Amino acid sequence: VTHSIPACIGNMTINSKQLDKESPVSIFAVNKCYVTVQDGTFFDGSGFAALVREGYKVRSDVNITLEFRTTAVHGVLLGVSSAKVDAIGLEIVQGKVLFHVNNGAGRITATYEPRGTNNLCDGKWHKLQANKSKHRISLIIDGNLVQTDNPYIQSTSADTNNPIYIGGYPADVKQNCLTSKSSFRGCLRNLVLTKSQHAEFFDFSRAFDLRGVFPHSCPGVEH
């Protein structure tokens, strides 16, 4: 077993002596346990999760689904880039959700803007689906579809080869399809990337780099 247990542990005794967990000799990636908890992964707004160390290849098509809950109006959701311009990106900017794609010829953006009293940053769960199929891109938020025209119809493949960054990215990493540097604060769950009918579920506890991210538990009410 190479990854940590996603759980809360308390009242541990060894040889009838209770361990003092308030003053450990060392501590790494251990969060407090919440009185009320929900499934999901908590992002504290300071870091990111990095997945697929060897690099994720978007190429011609990808379908991204996830659920998010936040009270912040800015934050990176997902970015996959390359050493060139090819990239995809999902972010929340001023309360809107933006899905950017660059297949090499130029960046195209689908923007979902809440209408009326609808608010995506209300601390409630919202469902997101972002789809890239060759040169076509679309965004579905809570069942509402947004599409955008792409003038670069001959350019169909996003030749990415970098890791998937969730909730933010390191300062020394370039992201060609993200405009925000703000790390996400809130909760994410059920991240699935589907390519050619093959669905891949991503478990944040298996990320190769986690900073300010606490897998498998979200506070029931954000502090």
C-alpha atoms as a PDB file:
ATOM      1  CA  VAL A   1       0.000   0.000   0.000  1.00  0.00           C
ATOM      2  CA  THR A   2       1.574   3.264  -1.106  1.00  0.00           C
ATOM      3  CA  HIS A   3      -1.136   5.801  -0.283  1.00  0.00           C
ATOM      4  CA  SER A   4      -2.621   7.006   2.971  1.00  0.00           C
ATOM      5  CA  ILE A   5      -5.960   5.998   4.471  1.00  0.00           C
ATOM      6  CA  PRO A   6      -8.828   8.426   3.750  1.00  0.00           C
ATOM      7  CA  ALA A   7     -10.316   8.442   7.241  1.00  0.00           C
ATOM      8  CA  CYS A   8     -10.463  10.035  10.660  1.00  0.00           C
ATOM      9  CA  ILE A   9      -8.554   8.343  13.485  1.00  0.00           C
ATOM     10  CA  GLY A  10      -8.971   9.181  17.169  1.00  0.00           C
ATOM     11  CA  ASN A  11      -8.408   7.892  20.702  1.00  0.00           C
ATOM     12  CA  MET A  12      -5.457   5.691  19.784  1.00  0.00           C
ATOM     13  CA  THR A  13      -3.692   3.897  22.619  1.00  0.00           C
ATOM     14  CA  ILE A  14      -0.493   1.845  22.561  1.00  0.00           C
ATOM     15  CA  ASN A  15       0.243  -0.362  25.577  1.00  0.00           C
ATOM     16  CA  SER A  16      -2.639   1.308  27.423  1.00  0.00           C
ATOM     17  CA  LYS A  17      -1.103   4.763  26.913  1.00  0.00           C
ATOM     18  CA  GLN A  18      -3.129   7.258  24.898  1.00  0.00           C
ATOM     19  CA  LEU A  19      -1.197   9.045  22.140  1.00  0.00           C
ATOM     20  CA  ASP A  20      -1.126  12.832  22.239  1.00  0.00           C
ATOM     21  CA  LYS A  21      -2.152  13.801  18.709  1.00  0.00           C
ATOM     22  CA  GLU A  22      -2.148  17.521  19.543  1.00  0.00           C
ATOM     23  CA  SER A  23       1.669  17.736  19.644  1.00  0.00           C
ATOM     24  CA  PRO A  24       3.122  15.278  17.098  1.00  0.00           C
ATOM     25  CA  VAL A  25       6.852  15.029  16.437  1.00  0.00           C
ATOM     26  CA  SER A  26       6.095  15.460  12.716  1.00  0.00           C
ATOM     27  CA  ILE A  27       2.966  15.848  10.592  1.00  0.00           C
ATOM     28  CA  PHE A  28       2.311  15.721   6.842  1.00  0.00           C
ATOM     29  CA  ALA A  29      -0.963  16.090   4.886  1.00  0.00           C
ATOM     30  CA  VAL A  30      -3.141  15.515   7.935  1.00  0.00           C
ATOM     31  CA  ASN A  31      -6.228  17.667   8.332  1.00  0.00           C
ATOM     32  CA  LYS A  32      -8.659  18.093  11.184  1.00  0.00           C
ATOM     33  CA  CYS A  33     -11.798  15.966  11.239  1.00  0.00           C
ATOM     34  CA  TYR A  34     -15.052  17.833  10.732  1.00  0.00           C
ATOM     35  CA  VAL A  35     -18.120  17.393  12.932  1.00  0.00           C
ATOM     36  CA  THR A  36     -20.287  17.293   9.814  1.00  0.00           C
ATOM     37  CA  VAL A  37     -18.679  15.960   6.662  1.00  0.00           C
ATOM     38  CA  GLN A  38     -19.602  15.357   3.015  1.00  0.00           C
ATOM     39  CA  ASP A  39     -18.031  13.192   0.359  1.00  0.00           C
ATOM     40  CA  GLY A  40     -15.571  15.106  -1.769  1.00  0.00           C
ATOM     41  CA  THR A  41     -12.120  16.667  -1.642  1.00  0.00           C
ATOM     42  CA  PHE A  42     -11.486  19.934   0.189  1.00  0.00           C
ATOM     43  CA  PHE A  43      -9.252  22.583  -1.423  1.00  0.00           C
ATOM     44  CA  ASP A  44      -8.220  25.265   1.077  1.00  0.00           C
ATOM     45  CA  GLY A  45      -7.438  27.912  -1.574  1.00  0.00           C
ATOM     46  CA  SER A  46      -3.644  27.720  -1.286  1.00  0.00           C
ATOM     47  CA  GLY A  47      -2.593  24.910  -3.621  1.00  0.00           C
ATOM     48  CA  PHE A  48      -3.529  22.213  -6.119  1.00  0.00           C
ATOM     49  CA  ALA A  49      -3.630  18.511  -6.902  1.00  0.00           C
ATOM     50  CA  ALA A  50      -1.427  17.117  -9.694  1.00  0.00           C
ATOM     51  CA  LEU A  51      -2.493  13.943 -11.501  1.00  0.00           C
ATOM     52  CA  VAL A  52      -0.938  11.799 -14.267  1.00  0.00           C
ATOM     53  CA  ARG A  53       2.750  12.518 -13.737  1.00  0.00           C
ATOM     54  CA  GLU A  54       3.705  11.141 -17.172  1.00  0.00           C
ATOM     55  CA  GLY A  55       1.357  13.605 -18.905  1.00  0.00           C
ATOM     56  CA  TYR A  56      -2.258  13.504 -20.078  1.00  0.00           C
ATOM     57  CA  LYS A  57      -2.938  13.520 -23.809  1.00  0.00           C
ATOM     58  CA  VAL A  58      -6.206  15.269 -24.685  1.00  0.00           C
ATOM     59  CA  ARG A  59      -5.816  15.044 -28.476  1.00  0.00           C
ATOM     60  CA  SER A  60      -9.075  15.144 -30.485  1.00  0.00           C
ATOM     61  CA  ASP A  61     -11.704  14.503 -27.831  1.00  0.00           C
ATOM     62  CA  VAL A  62     -12.313  14.578 -24.100  1.00  0.00           C
ATOM     63  CA  ASN A  63     -15.385  14.847 -21.890  1.00  0.00           C
ATOM     64  CA  ILE A  64     -14.843  16.186 -18.372  1.00  0.00           C
ATOM     65  CA  THR A  65     -17.436  15.845 -15.616  1.00  0.00           C
ATOM     66  CA  LEU A  66     -17.149  17.003 -12.021  1.00  0.00           C
ATOM     67  CA  GLU A  67     -19.135  18.557  -9.203  1.00  0.00           C
ATOM     68  CA  PHE A  68     -17.983  21.645  -7.321  1.00  0.00           C
ATOM     69  CA  ARG A  69     -19.035  23.647  -4.287  1.00  0.00           C
ATOM     70  CA  THR A  70     -17.544  27.048  -3.465  1.00  0.00           C
ATOM     71  CA  THR A  71     -18.265  30.484  -2.048  1.00  0.00           C
ATOM     72  CA  ALA A  72     -15.345  32.106  -3.916  1.00  0.00           C
ATOM     73  CA  VAL A  73     -15.973  33.871  -7.240  1.00  0.00           C
ATOM     74  CA  HIS A  74     -12.506  33.047  -8.630  1.00  0.00           C
ATOM     75  CA  GLY A  75     -10.618  29.778  -8.863  1.00  0.00           C
ATOM     76  CA  VAL A  76      -8.899  27.326 -11.186  1.00  0.00           C
ATOM     77  CA  LEU A  77     -10.782  24.061 -11.657  1.00  0.00           C
ATOM     78  CA  LEU A  78      -8.628  22.137 -14.160  1.00  0.00           C
ATOM     79  CA  GLY A  79      -5.750  22.711 -16.538  1.00  0.00           C
ATOM     80  CA  VAL A  80      -3.845  20.483 -18.967  1.00  0.00           C
ATOM     81  CA  SER A  81      -1.203  22.163 -21.082  1.00  0.00           C
ATOM     82  CA  SER A  82       1.779  21.485 -23.322  1.00  0.00           C
ATOM     83  CA  ALA A  83       5.151  23.053 -23.991  1.00  0.00           C
ATOM     84  CA  LYS A  84       3.574  24.740 -27.024  1.00  0.00           C
ATOM     85  CA  VAL A  85       0.170  26.485 -27.133  1.00  0.00           C
ATOM     86  CA  ASP A  86      -2.037  23.381 -27.112  1.00  0.00           C
ATOM     87  CA  ALA A  87      -4.045  23.194 -23.893  1.00  0.00           C
ATOM     88  CA  ILE A  88      -7.436  23.001 -22.199  1.00  0.00           C
ATOM     89  CA  GLY A  89      -8.578  24.854 -19.091  1.00  0.00           C
ATOM     90  CA  LEU A  90     -11.578  25.157 -16.769  1.00  0.00           C
ATOM     91  CA  GLU A  91     -11.892  28.055 -14.343  1.00  0.00           C
ATOM     92  CA  ILE A  92     -14.285  30.240 -12.377  1.00  0.00           C
ATOM     93  CA  VAL A  93     -13.804  33.938 -13.085  1.00  0.00           C
ATOM     94  CA  GLN A  94     -16.085  36.568 -11.505  1.00  0.00           C
ATOM     95  CA  GLY A  95     -18.686  33.881 -10.799  1.00  0.00           C
ATOM     96  CA  LYS A  96     -18.725  32.601 -14.391  1.00  0.00           C
ATOM     97  CA  VAL A  97     -17.406  29.226 -15.570  1.00  0.00           C
ATOM     98  CA  LEU A  98     -15.011  29.347 -18.533  1.00  0.00           C
ATOM     99  CA  PHE A  99     -13.907  26.386 -20.652  1.00  0.00           C
ATOM    100  CA  HIS A 100     -10.892  27.205 -22.837  1.00  0.00           C
ATOM    101  CA  VAL A 101      -9.468  25.021 -25.615  1.00  0.00           C
ATOM    102  CA  ASN A 102      -6.492  25.635 -27.889  1.00  0.00           C
ATOM    103  CA  ASN A 103      -5.893  23.012 -30.582  1.00  0.00           C
ATOM    104  CA  GLY A 104      -2.851  24.939 -31.785  1.00  0.00           C
ATOM    105  CA  ALA A 105      -4.490  27.609 -33.942  1.00  0.00           C
ATOM    106  CA  GLY A 106      -5.915  29.836 -31.201  1.00  0.00           C
ATOM    107  CA  ARG A 107      -7.823  29.815 -27.930  1.00  0.00           C
ATOM    108  CA  ILE A 108     -11.600  29.303 -28.009  1.00  0.00           C
ATOM    109  CA  THR A 109     -13.757  29.857 -24.917  1.00  0.00           C
ATOM    110  CA  ALA A 110     -17.215  28.676 -23.895  1.00  0.00           C
ATOM    111  CA  THR A 111     -18.570  30.852 -21.058  1.00  0.00           C
ATOM    112  CA  TYR A 112     -21.418  29.994 -18.702  1.00  0.00           C
ATOM    113  CA  GLU A 113     -22.862  33.073 -16.997  1.00  0.00           C
ATOM    114  CA  PRO A 114     -25.533  32.497 -14.322  1.00  0.00           C
ATOM    115  CA  ARG A 115     -28.819  34.264 -15.008  1.00  0.00           C
ATOM    116  CA  GLY A 116     -30.942  36.228 -12.542  1.00  0.00           C
ATOM    117  CA  THR A 117     -30.655  35.006  -8.969  1.00  0.00           C
ATOM    118  CA  ASN A 118     -28.751  31.857  -9.962  1.00  0.00           C
ATOM    119  CA  ASN A 119     -25.347  31.849  -8.319  1.00  0.00           C
ATOM    120  CA  LEU A 120     -22.650  29.228  -8.823  1.00  0.00           C
ATOM    121  CA  CYS A 121     -20.672  30.454  -5.806  1.00  0.00           C
ATOM    122  CA  ASP A 122     -23.405  29.851  -3.232  1.00  0.00           C
ATOM    123  CA  GLY A 123     -21.745  27.005  -1.329  1.00  0.00           C
ATOM    124  CA  LYS A 124     -24.062  24.428  -2.938  1.00  0.00           C
ATOM    125  CA  TRP A 125     -23.083  21.545  -5.241  1.00  0.00           C
ATOM    126  CA  HIS A 126     -23.164  22.233  -8.985  1.00  0.00           C
ATOM    127  CA  LYS A 127     -22.650  19.752 -11.832  1.00  0.00           C
ATOM    128  CA  LEU A 128     -20.247  20.618 -14.639  1.00  0.00           C
ATOM    129  CA  GLN A 129     -19.642  18.894 -17.952  1.00  0.00           C
ATOM    130  CA  ALA A 130     -17.084  20.194 -20.461  1.00  0.00           C
ATOM    131  CA  ASN A 131     -16.809  18.513 -23.838  1.00  0.00           C
ATOM    132  CA  LYS A 132     -14.235  18.870 -26.609  1.00  0.00           C
ATOM    133  CA  SER A 133     -14.927  16.949 -29.788  1.00  0.00           C
ATOM    134  CA  LYS A 134     -12.343  17.853 -32.438  1.00  0.00           C
ATOM    135  CA  HIS A 135     -12.898  21.605 -33.033  1.00  0.00           C
ATOM    136  CA  ARG A 136     -16.248  21.761 -31.212  1.00  0.00           C
ATOM    137  CA  ILE A 137     -16.494  22.660 -27.533  1.00  0.00           C
ATOM    138  CA  SER A 138     -19.439  22.855 -25.153  1.00  0.00           C
ATOM    139  CA  LEU A 139     -20.107  23.448 -21.477  1.00  0.00           C
ATOM    140  CA  ILE A 140     -23.077  22.180 -19.454  1.00  0.00           C
ATOM    141  CA  ILE A 141     -23.666  23.572 -15.952  1.00  0.00           C
ATOM    142  CA  ASP A 142     -26.578  22.129 -13.957  1.00  0.00           C
ATOM    143  CA  GLY A 143     -28.139  20.975 -17.246  1.00  0.00           C
ATOM    144  CA  ASN A 144     -27.738  24.333 -19.041  1.00  0.00           C
ATOM    145  CA  LEU A 145     -25.829  24.065 -22.339  1.00  0.00           C
ATOM    146  CA  VAL A 146     -23.411  26.672 -23.707  1.00  0.00           C
ATOM    147  CA  GLN A 147     -21.696  26.267 -27.075  1.00  0.00           C
ATOM    148  CA  THR A 148     -19.353  28.542 -29.001  1.00  0.00           C
ATOM    149  CA  ASP A 149     -18.285  28.812 -32.619  1.00  0.00           C
ATOM    150  CA  ASN A 150     -14.729  27.839 -33.510  1.00  0.00           C
ATOM    151  CA  PRO A 151     -13.324  29.497 -36.650  1.00  0.00           C
ATOM    152  CA  TYR A 152     -10.330  27.131 -36.629  1.00  0.00           C
ATOM    153  CA  ILE A 153     -12.179  24.077 -37.950  1.00  0.00           C
ATOM    154  CA  GLN A 154      -9.068  22.505 -39.501  1.00  0.00           C
ATOM    155  CA  SER A 155      -7.296  22.364 -36.133  1.00  0.00           C
ATOM    156  CA  THR A 156      -8.788  19.480 -34.148  1.00  0.00           C
ATOM    157  CA  SER A 157      -6.188  18.028 -31.742  1.00  0.00           C
ATOM    158  CA  ALA A 158      -4.935  19.478 -28.445  1.00  0.00           C
ATOM    159  CA  ASP A 159      -1.543  17.807 -28.230  1.00  0.00           C
ATOM    160  CA  THR A 160      -1.013  18.088 -24.488  1.00  0.00           C
ATOM    161  CA  ASN A 161       1.675  16.178 -22.638  1.00  0.00           C
ATOM    162  CA  ASN A 162       1.713  17.711 -19.146  1.00  0.00           C
ATOM    163  CA  PRO A 163       0.041  16.558 -15.913  1.00  0.00           C
ATOM    164  CA  ILE A 164      -3.562  17.393 -15.052  1.00  0.00           C
ATOM    165  CA  TYR A 165      -3.603  20.198 -12.492  1.00  0.00           C
ATOM    166  CA  ILE A 166      -6.748  20.503 -10.377  1.00  0.00           C
ATOM    167  CA  GLY A 167      -7.668  23.506  -8.237  1.00  0.00           C
ATOM    168  CA  GLY A 168      -4.551  25.474  -9.161  1.00  0.00           C
ATOM    169  CA  TYR A 169      -1.001  24.938 -10.399  1.00  0.00           C
ATOM    170  CA  PRO A 170       2.599  25.664  -9.317  1.00  0.00           C
ATOM    171  CA  ALA A 171       4.029  29.122  -9.908  1.00  0.00           C
ATOM    172  CA  ASP A 172       6.723  27.755 -12.238  1.00  0.00           C
ATOM    173  CA  VAL A 173       4.250  25.858 -14.446  1.00  0.00           C
ATOM    174  CA  LYS A 174       2.800  27.478 -17.568  1.00  0.00           C
ATOM    175  CA  GLN A 175      -0.886  26.994 -18.381  1.00  0.00           C
ATOM    176  CA  ASN A 176      -1.817  28.182 -21.854  1.00  0.00           C
ATOM    177  CA  CYS A 177      -5.576  27.907 -21.368  1.00  0.00           C
ATOM    178  CA  LEU A 178      -6.049  29.492 -17.943  1.00  0.00           C
ATOM    179  CA  THR A 179      -6.357  33.224 -17.279  1.00  0.00           C
ATOM    180  CA  SER A 180      -6.549  32.956 -13.475  1.00  0.00           C
ATOM    181  CA  LYS A 181      -3.775  32.145 -11.015  1.00  0.00           C
ATOM    182  CA  SER A 182      -6.225  31.907  -8.094  1.00  0.00           C
ATOM    183  CA  SER A 183      -6.303  28.518  -6.400  1.00  0.00           C
ATOM    184  CA  PHE A 184      -9.767  27.041  -5.915  1.00  0.00           C
ATOM    185  CA  ARG A 185     -11.282  27.169  -2.438  1.00  0.00           C
ATOM    186  CA  GLY A 186     -14.112  24.740  -1.837  1.00  0.00           C
ATOM    187  CA  CYS A 187     -14.912  21.125  -2.572  1.00  0.00           C
ATOM    188  CA  LEU A 188     -14.705  18.955  -5.679  1.00  0.00           C
ATOM    189  CA  ARG A 189     -15.989  15.429  -6.260  1.00  0.00           C
ATOM    190  CA  ASN A 190     -16.662  12.839  -8.963  1.00  0.00           C
ATOM    191  CA  LEU A 191     -13.981  13.942 -11.443  1.00  0.00           C
ATOM    192  CA  VAL A 192     -14.209  11.758 -14.561  1.00  0.00           C
ATOM    193  CA  LEU A 193     -12.414  12.227 -17.894  1.00  0.00           C
ATOM    194  CA  THR A 194     -13.826  10.210 -20.790  1.00  0.00           C
ATOM    195  CA  LYS A 195     -12.056   9.589 -24.091  1.00  0.00           C
ATOM    196  CA  SER A 196     -13.615   7.460 -26.858  1.00  0.00           C
ATOM    197  CA  GLN A 197     -16.118   5.855 -24.457  1.00  0.00           C
ATOM    198  CA  HIS A 198     -13.353   5.016 -21.941  1.00  0.00           C
ATOM    199  CA  ALA A 199     -14.181   6.712 -18.620  1.00  0.00           C
ATOM    200  CA  GLU A 200     -11.384   7.328 -16.115  1.00  0.00           C
ATOM    201  CA  PHE A 201     -12.286   8.235 -12.520  1.00  0.00           C
ATOM    202  CA  PHE A 202      -9.645  10.235 -10.653  1.00  0.00           C
ATOM    203  CA  ASP A 203      -9.058   9.688  -6.935  1.00  0.00           C
ATOM    204  CA  PHE A 204      -7.367  12.753  -5.440  1.00  0.00           C
ATOM    205  CA  SER A 205      -5.693  10.698  -2.716  1.00  0.00           C
ATOM    206  CA  ARG A 206      -3.544   9.138  -5.463  1.00  0.00           C
ATOM    207  CA  ALA A 207      -2.284  12.476  -6.805  1.00  0.00           C
ATOM    208  CA  PHE A 208       1.500  12.633  -7.118  1.00  0.00           C
ATOM    209  CA  ASP A 209       1.525  16.163  -5.657  1.00  0.00           C
ATOM    210  CA  LEU A 210      -1.013  17.571  -3.179  1.00  0.00           C
ATOM    211  CA  ARG A 211      -0.723  21.029  -1.657  1.00  0.00           C
ATOM    212  CA  GLY A 212      -3.528  22.456   0.463  1.00  0.00           C
ATOM    213  CA  VAL A 213      -5.796  19.615  -0.669  1.00  0.00           C
ATOM    214  CA  PHE A 214      -7.504  17.121   1.648  1.00  0.00           C
ATOM    215  CA  PRO A 215      -8.984  14.077  -0.126  1.00  0.00           C
ATOM    216  CA  HIS A 216     -12.244  12.356   0.747  1.00  0.00           C
ATOM    217  CA  SER A 217     -13.666  14.845   3.229  1.00  0.00           C
ATOM    218  CA  CYS A 218     -15.383  18.200   2.856  1.00  0.00           C
ATOM    219  CA  PRO A 219     -16.598  20.212   5.824  1.00  0.00           C
ATOM    220  CA  GLY A 220     -20.409  20.127   5.887  1.00  0.00           C
ATOM    221  CA  VAL A 221     -20.419  23.886   6.323  1.00  0.00           C
ATOM    222  CA  GLU A 222     -17.376  25.789   5.126  1.00  0.00           C
ATOM    223  CA  HIS A 223     -15.530  27.650   7.885  1.00  0.00           C
END
